């Protein structure tokens, strides 16, 4: 759920950016992108090279960080970065 006032929103957005950047570092991705689905309260993080990891490896690497997450998303979905 997004905060209401502008300064809270900026701080929240910086936290989301930090999360995406940290995930990119964990997966040794040089490029990443994130998208917010506000309707379904989901965060999609696209990571370069994610396709090189098995589902089990992705869970093992991301779970410690995501379990500490304090951003109140229904889901955080990791997907390979696509070129568009």
PDB file of N, CA and C in Angstrom:
ATOM      1  N   UNK A   1       0.843  -1.167   0.000  1.00  0.00           N
ATOM      2  CA  UNK A   1       0.000   0.000   0.000  1.00  0.00           C
ATOM      3  C   UNK A   1       0.892   1.235   0.000  1.00  0.00           C
ATOM      4  N   UNK A   2       0.625   2.151  -0.873  1.00  0.00           N
ATOM      5  CA  UNK A   2       1.444   3.351  -0.984  1.00  0.00           C
ATOM      6  C   UNK A   2       1.084   4.379   0.079  1.00  0.00           C
ATOM      7  N   UNK A   3       2.103   5.046   0.615  1.00  0.00           N
ATOM      8  CA  UNK A   3       1.841   6.121   1.576  1.00  0.00           C
ATOM      9  C   UNK A   3       1.117   7.289   0.910  1.00  0.00           C
ATOM     10  N   UNK A   4       0.474   8.123   1.723  1.00  0.00           N
ATOM     11  CA  UNK A   4      -0.366   9.191   1.198  1.00  0.00           C
ATOM     12  C   UNK A   4       0.376  10.467   0.838  1.00  0.00           C
ATOM     13  N   UNK A   5       1.232  10.987   1.712  1.00  0.00           N
ATOM     14  CA  UNK A   5       1.830  12.266   1.381  1.00  0.00           C
ATOM     15  C   UNK A   5       3.106  12.105   0.552  1.00  0.00           C
ATOM     16  N   UNK A   6       3.517  13.178  -0.088  1.00  0.00           N
ATOM     17  CA  UNK A   6       4.616  13.131  -1.063  1.00  0.00           C
ATOM     18  C   UNK A   6       5.937  12.683  -0.443  1.00  0.00           C
ATOM     19  N   UNK A   7       6.298  13.184   0.727  1.00  0.00           N
ATOM     20  CA  UNK A   7       7.581  12.801   1.332  1.00  0.00           C
ATOM     21  C   UNK A   7       7.575  11.328   1.736  1.00  0.00           C
ATOM     22  N   UNK A   8       6.447  10.828   2.227  1.00  0.00           N
ATOM     23  CA  UNK A   8       6.346   9.404   2.553  1.00  0.00           C
ATOM     24  C   UNK A   8       6.440   8.569   1.281  1.00  0.00           C
ATOM     25  N   UNK A   9       5.791   9.039   0.225  1.00  0.00           N
ATOM     26  CA  UNK A   9       5.826   8.314  -1.049  1.00  0.00           C
ATOM     27  C   UNK A   9       7.257   8.251  -1.582  1.00  0.00           C
ATOM     28  N   UNK A  10       7.987   9.356  -1.520  1.00  0.00           N
ATOM     29  CA  UNK A  10       9.381   9.381  -1.998  1.00  0.00           C
ATOM     30  C   UNK A  10      10.243   8.415  -1.200  1.00  0.00           C
ATOM     31  N   UNK A  11      10.081   8.405   0.120  1.00  0.00           N
ATOM     32  CA  UNK A  11      10.847   7.489   0.970  1.00  0.00           C
ATOM     33  C   UNK A  11      10.492   6.039   0.645  1.00  0.00           C
ATOM     34  N   UNK A  12       9.209   5.774   0.432  1.00  0.00           N
ATOM     35  CA  UNK A  12       8.757   4.434   0.083  1.00  0.00           C
ATOM     36  C   UNK A  12       9.339   4.002  -1.264  1.00  0.00           C
ATOM     37  N   UNK A  13       9.319   4.908  -2.238  1.00  0.00           N
ATOM     38  CA  UNK A  13       9.856   4.604  -3.560  1.00  0.00           C
ATOM     39  C   UNK A  13      11.365   4.344  -3.487  1.00  0.00           C
ATOM     40  N   UNK A  14      12.068   5.076  -2.653  1.00  0.00           N
ATOM     41  CA  UNK A  14      13.502   4.836  -2.455  1.00  0.00           C
ATOM     42  C   UNK A  14      13.734   3.457  -1.853  1.00  0.00           C
ATOM     43  N   UNK A  15      12.870   3.028  -0.946  1.00  0.00           N
ATOM     44  CA  UNK A  15      12.973   1.681  -0.366  1.00  0.00           C
ATOM     45  C   UNK A  15      12.753   0.607  -1.430  1.00  0.00           C
ATOM     46  N   UNK A  16      11.793   0.830  -2.307  1.00  0.00           N
ATOM     47  CA  UNK A  16      11.523  -0.118  -3.391  1.00  0.00           C
ATOM     48  C   UNK A  16      12.730  -0.185  -4.327  1.00  0.00           C
ATOM     49  N   UNK A  17      13.296   0.957  -4.664  1.00  0.00           N
ATOM     50  CA  UNK A  17      14.494   1.010  -5.513  1.00  0.00           C
ATOM     51  C   UNK A  17      15.652   0.277  -4.839  1.00  0.00           C
ATOM     52  N   UNK A  18      15.830   0.488  -3.540  1.00  0.00           N
ATOM     53  CA  UNK A  18      16.890  -0.189  -2.792  1.00  0.00           C
ATOM     54  C   UNK A  18      16.696  -1.705  -2.828  1.00  0.00           C
ATOM     55  N   UNK A  19      15.460  -2.155  -2.659  1.00  0.00           N
ATOM     56  CA  UNK A  19      15.164  -3.588  -2.719  1.00  0.00           C
ATOM     57  C   UNK A  19      15.530  -4.153  -4.084  1.00  0.00           C
ATOM     58  N   UNK A  20      15.099  -3.490  -5.158  1.00  0.00           N
ATOM     59  CA  UNK A  20      15.388  -3.968  -6.514  1.00  0.00           C
ATOM     60  C   UNK A  20      16.895  -3.998  -6.765  1.00  0.00           C
ATOM     61  N   UNK A  21      17.596  -2.978  -6.322  1.00  0.00           N
ATOM     62  CA  UNK A  21      19.052  -2.914  -6.502  1.00  0.00           C
ATOM     63  C   UNK A  21      19.744  -4.025  -5.706  1.00  0.00           C
ATOM     64  N   UNK A  22      19.285  -4.269  -4.495  1.00  0.00           N
ATOM     65  CA  UNK A  22      19.864  -5.327  -3.665  1.00  0.00           C
ATOM     66  C   UNK A  22      19.637  -6.693  -4.293  1.00  0.00           C
ATOM     67  N   UNK A  23      18.441  -6.927  -4.815  1.00  0.00           N
ATOM     68  CA  UNK A  23      18.177  -8.188  -5.516  1.00  0.00           C
ATOM     69  C   UNK A  23      19.097  -8.335  -6.728  1.00  0.00           C
ATOM     70  N   UNK A  24      19.305  -7.249  -7.464  1.00  0.00           N
ATOM     71  CA  UNK A  24      20.208  -7.285  -8.614  1.00  0.00           C
ATOM     72  C   UNK A  24      21.614  -7.670  -8.169  1.00  0.00           C
ATOM     73  N   UNK A  25      22.062  -7.125  -7.067  1.00  0.00           N
ATOM     74  CA  UNK A  25      23.389  -7.473  -6.557  1.00  0.00           C
ATOM     75  C   UNK A  25      23.458  -8.938  -6.144  1.00  0.00           C
ATOM     76  N   UNK A  26      22.431  -9.431  -5.473  1.00  0.00           N
ATOM     77  CA  UNK A  26      22.408 -10.827  -5.046  1.00  0.00           C
ATOM     78  C   UNK A  26      22.491 -11.787  -6.229  1.00  0.00           C
ATOM     79  N   UNK A  27      21.859 -11.409  -7.341  1.00  0.00           N
ATOM     80  CA  UNK A  27      21.842 -12.272  -8.528  1.00  0.00           C
ATOM     81  C   UNK A  27      22.894 -11.860  -9.557  1.00  0.00           C
ATOM     82  N   UNK A  28      23.812 -10.983  -9.137  1.00  0.00           N
ATOM     83  CA  UNK A  28      24.913 -10.530  -9.991  1.00  0.00           C
ATOM     84  C   UNK A  28      24.411  -9.993 -11.334  1.00  0.00           C
ATOM     85  N   UNK A  29      23.323  -9.240 -11.270  1.00  0.00           N
ATOM     86  CA  UNK A  29      22.718  -8.652 -12.466  1.00  0.00           C
ATOM     87  C   UNK A  29      23.288  -7.264 -12.697  1.00  0.00           C
ATOM     88  N   UNK A  30      23.688  -6.990 -13.915  1.00  0.00           N
ATOM     89  CA  UNK A  30      24.173  -5.654 -14.258  1.00  0.00           C
ATOM     90  C   UNK A  30      23.023  -4.700 -14.522  1.00  0.00           C
ATOM     91  N   UNK A  31      21.884  -5.241 -14.915  1.00  0.00           N
ATOM     92  CA  UNK A  31      20.721  -4.411 -15.211  1.00  0.00           C
ATOM     93  C   UNK A  31      19.498  -4.989 -14.507  1.00  0.00           C
ATOM     94  N   UNK A  32      18.641  -4.081 -14.098  1.00  0.00           N
ATOM     95  CA  UNK A  32      17.384  -4.484 -13.468  1.00  0.00           C
ATOM     96  C   UNK A  32      16.354  -3.397 -13.718  1.00  0.00           C
ATOM     97  N   UNK A  33      15.138  -3.769 -13.519  1.00  0.00           N
ATOM     98  CA  UNK A  33      14.021  -2.841 -13.693  1.00  0.00           C
ATOM     99  C   UNK A  33      12.913  -3.333 -12.761  1.00  0.00           C
ATOM    100  N   UNK A  34      12.106  -2.417 -12.266  1.00  0.00           N
ATOM    101  CA  UNK A  34      10.966  -2.859 -11.459  1.00  0.00           C
ATOM    102  C   UNK A  34       9.708  -2.131 -11.899  1.00  0.00           C
ATOM    103  N   UNK A  35       8.597  -2.816 -11.723  1.00  0.00           N
ATOM    104  CA  UNK A  35       7.285  -2.273 -12.054  1.00  0.00           C
ATOM    105  C   UNK A  35       6.347  -2.549 -10.894  1.00  0.00           C
ATOM    106  N   UNK A  36       5.517  -1.578 -10.619  1.00  0.00           N
ATOM    107  CA  UNK A  36       4.532  -1.717  -9.553  1.00  0.00           C
ATOM    108  C   UNK A  36       3.160  -1.968 -10.157  1.00  0.00           C
ATOM    109  N   UNK A  37       2.495  -2.978  -9.684  1.00  0.00           N
ATOM    110  CA  UNK A  37       1.104  -3.235 -10.046  1.00  0.00           C
ATOM    111  C   UNK A  37       0.272  -2.827  -8.838  1.00  0.00           C
ATOM    112  N   UNK A  38      -0.126  -1.560  -8.818  1.00  0.00           N
ATOM    113  CA  UNK A  38      -0.830  -1.022  -7.663  1.00  0.00           C
ATOM    114  C   UNK A  38      -2.210  -1.655  -7.478  1.00  0.00           C
ATOM    115  N   UNK A  39      -2.831  -2.061  -8.564  1.00  0.00           N
ATOM    116  CA  UNK A  39      -4.156  -2.670  -8.485  1.00  0.00           C
ATOM    117  C   UNK A  39      -4.117  -3.961  -7.663  1.00  0.00           C
ATOM    118  N   UNK A  40      -3.067  -4.762  -7.872  1.00  0.00           N
ATOM    119  CA  UNK A  40      -2.945  -6.053  -7.194  1.00  0.00           C
ATOM    120  C   UNK A  40      -1.899  -6.028  -6.085  1.00  0.00           C
ATOM    121  N   UNK A  41      -1.322  -4.843  -5.819  1.00  0.00           N
ATOM    122  CA  UNK A  41      -0.321  -4.659  -4.772  1.00  0.00           C
ATOM    123  C   UNK A  41       0.859  -5.621  -4.949  1.00  0.00           C
ATOM    124  N   UNK A  42       1.378  -5.686  -6.175  1.00  0.00           N
ATOM    125  CA  UNK A  42       2.505  -6.564  -6.485  1.00  0.00           C
ATOM    126  C   UNK A  42       3.675  -5.741  -7.001  1.00  0.00           C
ATOM    127  N   UNK A  43       4.856  -6.222  -6.705  1.00  0.00           N
ATOM    128  CA  UNK A  43       6.087  -5.637  -7.221  1.00  0.00           C
ATOM    129  C   UNK A  43       6.736  -6.667  -8.131  1.00  0.00           C
ATOM    130  N   UNK A  44       7.006  -6.273  -9.369  1.00  0.00           N
ATOM    131  CA  UNK A  44       7.713  -7.127 -10.314  1.00  0.00           C
ATOM    132  C   UNK A  44       9.120  -6.583 -10.467  1.00  0.00           C
ATOM    133  N   UNK A  45      10.114  -7.431 -10.236  1.00  0.00           N
ATOM    134  CA  UNK A  45      11.506  -7.035 -10.389  1.00  0.00           C
ATOM    135  C   UNK A  45      12.103  -7.882 -11.510  1.00  0.00           C
ATOM    136  N   UNK A  46      12.535  -7.200 -12.568  1.00  0.00           N
ATOM    137  CA  UNK A  46      13.173  -7.879 -13.700  1.00  0.00           C
ATOM    138  C   UNK A  46      14.679  -7.813 -13.497  1.00  0.00           C
ATOM    139  N   UNK A  47      15.333  -8.965 -13.588  1.00  0.00           N
ATOM    140  CA  UNK A  47      16.768  -9.052 -13.355  1.00  0.00           C
ATOM    141  C   UNK A  47      17.473  -9.696 -14.537  1.00  0.00           C
ATOM    142  N   UNK A  48      18.511  -9.050 -14.994  1.00  0.00           N
ATOM    143  CA  UNK A  48      19.335  -9.609 -16.063  1.00  0.00           C
ATOM    144  C   UNK A  48      19.995 -10.889 -15.554  1.00  0.00           C
ATOM    145  N   UNK A  49      19.916 -11.957 -16.343  1.00  0.00           N
ATOM    146  CA  UNK A  49      20.579 -13.213 -16.023  1.00  0.00           C
ATOM    147  C   UNK A  49      19.810 -14.123 -15.080  1.00  0.00           C
ATOM    148  N   UNK A  50      18.626 -13.727 -14.663  1.00  0.00           N
ATOM    149  CA  UNK A  50      17.855 -14.549 -13.721  1.00  0.00           C
ATOM    150  C   UNK A  50      17.547 -15.927 -14.295  1.00  0.00           C
ATOM    151  N   UNK A  51      17.437 -16.006 -15.609  1.00  0.00           N
ATOM    152  CA  UNK A  51      17.104 -17.290 -16.242  1.00  0.00           C
ATOM    153  C   UNK A  51      18.195 -18.344 -16.036  1.00  0.00           C
ATOM    154  N   UNK A  52      19.366 -17.932 -15.576  1.00  0.00           N
ATOM    155  CA  UNK A  52      20.470 -18.870 -15.331  1.00  0.00           C
ATOM    156  C   UNK A  52      20.309 -19.616 -14.005  1.00  0.00           C
ATOM    157  N   UNK A  53      19.347 -19.202 -13.207  1.00  0.00           N
ATOM    158  CA  UNK A  53      19.132 -19.805 -11.892  1.00  0.00           C
ATOM    159  C   UNK A  53      17.902 -20.702 -11.917  1.00  0.00           C
ATOM    160  N   UNK A  54      17.985 -21.800 -11.167  1.00  0.00           N
ATOM    161  CA  UNK A  54      16.809 -22.660 -11.026  1.00  0.00           C
ATOM    162  C   UNK A  54      15.840 -21.998 -10.043  1.00  0.00           C
ATOM    163  N   UNK A  55      14.601 -22.456 -10.041  1.00  0.00           N
ATOM    164  CA  UNK A  55      13.606 -21.928  -9.104  1.00  0.00           C
ATOM    165  C   UNK A  55      14.078 -22.092  -7.657  1.00  0.00           C
ATOM    166  N   UNK A  56      14.692 -23.226  -7.366  1.00  0.00           N
ATOM    167  CA  UNK A  56      15.174 -23.482  -6.015  1.00  0.00           C
ATOM    168  C   UNK A  56      16.283 -22.510  -5.631  1.00  0.00           C
ATOM    169  N   UNK A  57      17.191 -22.231  -6.570  1.00  0.00           N
ATOM    170  CA  UNK A  57      18.274 -21.283  -6.296  1.00  0.00           C
ATOM    171  C   UNK A  57      17.727 -19.867  -6.079  1.00  0.00           C
ATOM    172  N   UNK A  58      16.736 -19.498  -6.869  1.00  0.00           N
ATOM    173  CA  UNK A  58      16.132 -18.170  -6.729  1.00  0.00           C
ATOM    174  C   UNK A  58      15.518 -18.021  -5.342  1.00  0.00           C
ATOM    175  N   UNK A  59      14.786 -19.025  -4.908  1.00  0.00           N
ATOM    176  CA  UNK A  59      14.172 -18.989  -3.580  1.00  0.00           C
ATOM    177  C   UNK A  59      15.249 -18.922  -2.502  1.00  0.00           C
ATOM    178  N   UNK A  60      16.259 -19.746  -2.631  1.00  0.00           N
ATOM    179  CA  UNK A  60      17.336 -19.791  -1.641  1.00  0.00           C
ATOM    180  C   UNK A  60      18.058 -18.447  -1.516  1.00  0.00           C
ATOM    181  N   UNK A  61      18.277 -17.778  -2.640  1.00  0.00           N
ATOM    182  CA  UNK A  61      18.992 -16.500  -2.640  1.00  0.00           C
ATOM    183  C   UNK A  61      18.099 -15.355  -2.177  1.00  0.00           C
ATOM    184  N   UNK A  62      16.871 -15.310  -2.662  1.00  0.00           N
ATOM    185  CA  UNK A  62      15.997 -14.161  -2.404  1.00  0.00           C
ATOM    186  C   UNK A  62      15.237 -14.237  -1.085  1.00  0.00           C
ATOM    187  N   UNK A  63      14.951 -15.427  -0.610  1.00  0.00           N
ATOM    188  CA  UNK A  63      14.091 -15.583   0.568  1.00  0.00           C
ATOM    189  C   UNK A  63      14.575 -14.825   1.802  1.00  0.00           C
ATOM    190  N   UNK A  64      15.865 -14.875   2.154  1.00  0.00           N
ATOM    191  CA  UNK A  64      16.291 -14.130   3.358  1.00  0.00           C
ATOM    192  C   UNK A  64      15.991 -12.630   3.262  1.00  0.00           C
ATOM    193  N   UNK A  65      16.215 -12.039   2.115  1.00  0.00           N
ATOM    194  CA  UNK A  65      15.935 -10.617   1.935  1.00  0.00           C
ATOM    195  C   UNK A  65      14.431 -10.353   1.950  1.00  0.00           C
ATOM    196  N   UNK A  66      13.670 -11.137   1.209  1.00  0.00           N
ATOM    197  CA  UNK A  66      12.234 -10.910   1.109  1.00  0.00           C
ATOM    198  C   UNK A  66      11.505 -11.176   2.425  1.00  0.00           C
ATOM    199  N   UNK A  67      12.049 -12.060   3.247  1.00  0.00           N
ATOM    200  CA  UNK A  67      11.405 -12.325   4.536  1.00  0.00           C
ATOM    201  C   UNK A  67      11.559 -11.140   5.487  1.00  0.00           C
ATOM    202  N   UNK A  68      12.556 -10.309   5.257  1.00  0.00           N
ATOM    203  CA  UNK A  68      12.767  -9.111   6.061  1.00  0.00           C
ATOM    204  C   UNK A  68      12.035  -7.897   5.495  1.00  0.00           C
ATOM    205  N   UNK A  69      11.387  -8.067   4.361  1.00  0.00           N
ATOM    206  CA  UNK A  69      10.731  -6.984   3.644  1.00  0.00           C
ATOM    207  C   UNK A  69       9.655  -6.321   4.490  1.00  0.00           C
ATOM    208  N   UNK A  70       9.692  -4.998   4.516  1.00  0.00           N
ATOM    209  CA  UNK A  70       8.715  -4.233   5.279  1.00  0.00           C
ATOM    210  C   UNK A  70       7.997  -3.237   4.361  1.00  0.00           C
ATOM    211  N   UNK A  71       7.665  -3.675   3.151  1.00  0.00           N
ATOM    212  CA  UNK A  71       7.046  -2.768   2.188  1.00  0.00           C
ATOM    213  C   UNK A  71       5.588  -3.093   1.915  1.00  0.00           C
ATOM    214  N   UNK A  72       5.051  -4.118   2.533  1.00  0.00           N
ATOM    215  CA  UNK A  72       3.629  -4.442   2.481  1.00  0.00           C
ATOM    216  C   UNK A  72       3.102  -4.734   1.081  1.00  0.00           C
ATOM    217  N   UNK A  73       3.859  -5.532   0.311  1.00  0.00           N
ATOM    218  CA  UNK A  73       3.368  -5.998  -0.987  1.00  0.00           C
ATOM    219  C   UNK A  73       2.681  -7.337  -0.803  1.00  0.00           C
ATOM    220  N   UNK A  74       1.643  -7.570  -1.595  1.00  0.00           N
ATOM    221  CA  UNK A  74       0.991  -8.876  -1.609  1.00  0.00           C
ATOM    222  C   UNK A  74       1.967  -9.927  -2.132  1.00  0.00           C
ATOM    223  N   UNK A  75       2.721  -9.563  -3.168  1.00  0.00           N
ATOM    224  CA  UNK A  75       3.714 -10.448  -3.788  1.00  0.00           C
ATOM    225  C   UNK A  75       4.859  -9.635  -4.341  1.00  0.00           C
ATOM    226  N   UNK A  76       6.052 -10.234  -4.301  1.00  0.00           N
ATOM    227  CA  UNK A  76       7.209  -9.713  -5.015  1.00  0.00           C
ATOM    228  C   UNK A  76       7.578 -10.804  -6.006  1.00  0.00           C
ATOM    229  N   UNK A  77       7.525 -10.479  -7.296  1.00  0.00           N
ATOM    230  CA  UNK A  77       7.732 -11.456  -8.351  1.00  0.00           C
ATOM    231  C   UNK A  77       9.039 -11.135  -9.069  1.00  0.00           C
ATOM    232  N   UNK A  78       9.936 -12.112  -9.119  1.00  0.00           N
ATOM    233  CA  UNK A  78      11.207 -11.952  -9.834  1.00  0.00           C
ATOM    234  C   UNK A  78      11.079 -12.606 -11.205  1.00  0.00           C
ATOM    235  N   UNK A  79      11.451 -11.861 -12.232  1.00  0.00           N
ATOM    236  CA  UNK A  79      11.384 -12.371 -13.605  1.00  0.00           C
ATOM    237  C   UNK A  79      12.642 -11.953 -14.349  1.00  0.00           C
ATOM    238  N   UNK A  80      13.016 -12.722 -15.378  1.00  0.00           N
ATOM    239  CA  UNK A  80      14.173 -12.331 -16.181  1.00  0.00           C
ATOM    240  C   UNK A  80      13.919 -11.005 -16.884  1.00  0.00           C
ATOM    241  N   UNK A  81      14.946 -10.217 -17.004  1.00  0.00           N
ATOM    242  CA  UNK A  81      14.878  -8.940 -17.704  1.00  0.00           C
ATOM    243  C   UNK A  81      14.708  -9.203 -19.195  1.00  0.00           C
ATOM    244  N   UNK A  82      13.727  -8.570 -19.786  1.00  0.00           N
ATOM    245  CA  UNK A  82      13.505  -8.698 -21.230  1.00  0.00           C
ATOM    246  C   UNK A  82      13.841  -7.376 -21.884  1.00  0.00           C
ATOM    247  N   UNK A  83      14.340  -7.441 -23.051  1.00  0.00           N
ATOM    248  CA  UNK A  83      14.679  -6.227 -23.817  1.00  0.00           C
ATOM    249  C   UNK A  83      13.442  -5.807 -24.611  1.00  0.00           C
ATOM    250  N   UNK A  84      13.003  -4.594 -24.359  1.00  0.00           N
ATOM    251  CA  UNK A  84      11.853  -4.099 -25.116  1.00  0.00           C
ATOM    252  C   UNK A  84      12.149  -2.763 -25.734  1.00  0.00           C
TER     253      UNK A  84
END
